[in-house]
Amino acid sequence: MIDEPISPRDTDRDVRALRDIPRIAAILDEVCRITRMGFAAVARVTDERWVACQVADRIEFGLQPGDELVLKTTICNDIRASGKAVIIDHVGDEPNWRTHPIPMLYGFESYASFPITLEDGQFFGTLCAIDPEPRSLRSPELVSILERFAREIAGIVVVSRAGVLSA
């Protein structure tokens, strides 16, 4: 599916709609618990913006809902382009990542990010997590759980948009 341009107003609406949903907060807490990572977020990712919708921050990464990162400084931009998850257990052990500028910029050693794709095939954003310490993230069970959480969040987005549009 070809993504249509997304207006900043639509992105801001999505962020406002998702920032206080308790189930998303519970998912992010569970992501931190099961991965042992200190930061997890749902991000709205467009061809121009990366905006945090909701975060669980146990490592003082410093992002709050509504905060933005420069899109080109995120791996989520690559996930938007490919539609595939990126999992890094230990940046220092992986030749493709150990000298990559993004882990160096944000100071993480482990990273997991899964695309949030809506039922119509539209890419919404990512469920992502980072930590300054290496973590084991590639087990099939853990990957399956994180994929399921990303699908659940996609469903929440659809329901949320229906509520926002009818309001």
Protein backbone atom coordinates (compact mmCIF):
# COMPACT_ATOMS: atom_id res chain seq x y z
CA MET A 1 0.00 0.00 0.00
CA ILE A 2 1.28 3.49 -0.86
CA ASP A 3 1.21 5.79 2.15
CA GLU A 4 -0.63 9.03 1.59
CA PRO A 5 0.91 12.20 3.01
CA ILE A 6 0.07 12.64 6.68
CA SER A 7 -0.59 16.14 7.93
CA PRO A 8 1.07 17.37 11.13
CA ARG A 9 -2.44 17.96 12.47
CA ASP A 10 -3.34 14.27 11.98
CA THR A 11 -0.12 13.19 13.69
CA ASP A 12 -0.77 15.51 16.63
CA ARG A 13 -4.33 14.15 16.88
CA ASP A 14 -3.00 10.59 17.06
CA VAL A 15 -0.52 11.54 19.79
CA ARG A 16 -3.19 13.29 21.86
CA ALA A 17 -5.56 10.34 21.47
CA LEU A 18 -3.01 7.73 22.59
CA ARG A 19 -1.05 9.53 25.30
CA ASP A 20 -3.32 8.57 28.21
CA ILE A 21 -4.67 5.15 27.25
CA PRO A 22 -4.09 2.84 30.23
CA ARG A 23 -3.72 -0.33 28.12
CA ILE A 24 -0.83 1.22 26.18
CA ALA A 25 0.84 2.19 29.47
CA ALA A 26 0.40 -1.41 30.66
CA ILE A 27 1.89 -2.77 27.44
CA LEU A 28 4.93 -0.48 27.75
CA ASP A 29 5.45 -1.51 31.37
CA GLU A 30 5.24 -5.16 30.32
CA VAL A 31 7.71 -4.56 27.48
CA CYS A 32 10.19 -3.13 29.98
CA ARG A 33 9.61 -6.02 32.37
CA ILE A 34 9.93 -8.90 29.91
CA THR A 35 12.87 -7.42 27.98
CA ARG A 36 14.60 -5.98 31.08
CA MET A 37 14.96 -2.75 29.08
CA GLY A 38 14.63 0.65 30.71
CA PHE A 39 12.78 2.59 28.05
CA ALA A 40 9.83 1.67 25.85
CA ALA A 41 7.63 3.84 23.67
CA VAL A 42 4.89 3.91 21.12
CA ALA A 43 5.98 6.35 18.44
CA ARG A 44 3.99 7.87 15.61
CA VAL A 45 6.38 7.73 12.66
CA THR A 46 5.62 9.48 9.38
CA ASP A 47 7.79 10.36 6.40
CA GLU A 48 8.67 13.60 8.21
CA ARG A 49 8.28 13.08 11.98
CA TRP A 50 8.98 10.79 14.95
CA VAL A 51 6.69 11.69 17.86
CA ALA A 52 6.36 9.84 21.16
CA CYS A 53 2.72 8.93 21.83
CA GLN A 54 3.36 7.28 25.20
CA VAL A 55 6.51 6.22 27.05
CA ALA A 56 7.73 4.12 29.98
CA ASP A 57 11.08 5.61 31.01
CA ARG A 58 13.00 3.88 33.81
CA ILE A 59 16.44 5.07 32.66
CA GLU A 60 15.79 8.81 32.45
CA PHE A 61 16.09 8.85 28.66
CA GLY A 62 14.06 12.02 28.94
CA LEU A 63 11.27 11.74 26.39
CA GLN A 64 7.67 12.53 27.24
CA PRO A 65 4.50 12.03 25.19
CA GLY A 66 4.47 14.63 22.42
CA ASP A 67 8.27 14.95 22.31
CA GLU A 68 9.93 14.55 18.94
CA LEU A 69 13.20 13.12 17.70
CA VAL A 70 14.73 14.12 14.40
CA LEU A 71 13.45 11.39 12.10
CA LYS A 72 16.80 10.80 10.40
CA THR A 73 18.34 10.06 13.81
CA THR A 74 16.04 7.10 14.42
CA ILE A 75 16.11 3.46 13.39
CA CYS A 76 12.31 3.69 13.34
CA ASN A 77 12.65 5.55 10.04
CA ASP A 78 14.29 2.41 8.57
CA ILE A 79 11.45 0.31 10.00
CA ARG A 80 8.93 2.63 8.34
CA ALA A 81 10.69 2.05 5.02
CA SER A 82 11.09 -1.73 5.38
CA GLY A 83 8.06 -2.70 7.48
CA LYS A 84 10.31 -5.10 9.41
CA ALA A 85 11.34 -5.24 13.06
CA VAL A 86 14.89 -4.44 14.11
CA ILE A 87 16.37 -6.30 17.09
CA ILE A 88 19.82 -5.63 18.51
CA ASP A 89 20.96 -7.64 21.53
CA HIS A 90 24.34 -5.97 21.93
CA VAL A 91 25.44 -3.10 19.70
CA GLY A 92 29.10 -3.73 20.53
CA ASP A 93 28.93 -7.33 19.29
CA GLU A 94 27.19 -6.63 16.00
CA PRO A 95 29.39 -5.47 13.10
CA ASN A 96 26.54 -3.63 11.37
CA TRP A 97 25.73 -1.63 14.49
CA ARG A 98 28.89 -1.12 16.57
CA THR A 99 30.00 1.94 14.58
CA HIS A 100 26.52 3.07 13.51
CA PRO A 101 25.86 6.70 14.50
CA ILE A 102 22.37 6.18 15.96
CA PRO A 103 23.31 3.85 18.87
CA MET A 104 26.25 6.15 19.60
CA LEU A 105 24.00 9.24 19.55
CA TYR A 106 21.48 7.82 22.03
CA GLY A 107 23.86 5.64 24.06
CA PHE A 108 22.03 2.34 23.81
CA GLU A 109 23.48 -1.17 23.67
CA SER A 110 20.21 -3.01 23.10
CA TYR A 111 17.29 -2.09 20.89
CA ALA A 112 14.04 -3.64 19.74
CA SER A 113 11.49 -1.99 17.51
CA PHE A 114 8.42 -3.49 15.87
CA PRO A 115 6.24 -1.87 13.23
CA ILE A 116 2.70 -0.93 14.17
CA THR A 117 0.72 -1.60 11.00
CA LEU A 118 -2.99 -0.89 10.82
CA GLU A 119 -5.50 -3.38 9.44
CA ASP A 120 -5.60 -1.52 6.09
CA GLY A 121 -1.82 -1.93 5.72
CA GLN A 122 -0.96 1.66 6.68
CA PHE A 123 2.21 2.04 8.72
CA PHE A 124 1.40 3.93 11.92
CA GLY A 125 4.65 3.85 13.85
CA THR A 126 6.65 1.63 16.14
CA LEU A 127 6.68 -0.12 19.46
CA CYS A 128 10.30 0.38 20.47
CA ALA A 129 12.53 -0.22 23.46
CA ILE A 130 16.13 0.68 24.31
CA ASP A 131 18.58 0.09 27.12
CA PRO A 132 22.18 1.11 27.82
CA GLU A 133 23.00 -2.52 28.69
CA PRO A 134 23.04 -5.55 26.37
CA ARG A 135 19.87 -7.68 26.53
CA SER A 136 18.86 -11.02 25.02
CA LEU A 137 15.93 -10.14 22.78
CA ARG A 138 15.84 -12.64 19.93
CA SER A 139 14.06 -15.61 21.50
CA PRO A 140 11.07 -16.68 19.40
CA GLU A 141 8.78 -16.39 22.44
CA LEU A 142 9.84 -12.82 23.20
CA VAL A 143 9.63 -11.75 19.55
CA SER A 144 6.15 -13.27 19.32
CA ILE A 145 4.98 -11.36 22.40
CA LEU A 146 6.35 -8.06 21.09
CA GLU A 147 4.74 -8.65 17.68
CA ARG A 148 1.44 -9.36 19.43
CA PHE A 149 1.74 -6.14 21.44
CA ALA A 150 2.37 -4.17 18.22
CA ARG A 151 -0.78 -5.69 16.68
CA GLU A 152 -2.78 -4.90 19.82
CA ILE A 153 -1.60 -1.29 19.72
CA ALA A 154 -2.65 -1.12 16.04
CA GLY A 155 -6.14 -2.18 17.12
CA ILE A 156 -6.17 0.49 19.83
CA VAL A 157 -5.20 3.10 17.23
CA VAL A 158 -8.11 2.09 14.99
CA VAL A 159 -10.60 2.24 17.87
CA SER A 160 -9.13 5.51 19.11
CA ARG A 161 -9.37 7.12 15.68
CA ALA A 162 -12.99 6.02 15.38
CA GLY A 163 -13.72 7.70 18.71
CA VAL A 164 -11.82 10.86 17.82
CA LEU A 165 -13.50 11.09 14.42
CA SER A 166 -16.97 10.65 15.87
CA ALA A 167 -16.39 13.21 18.63
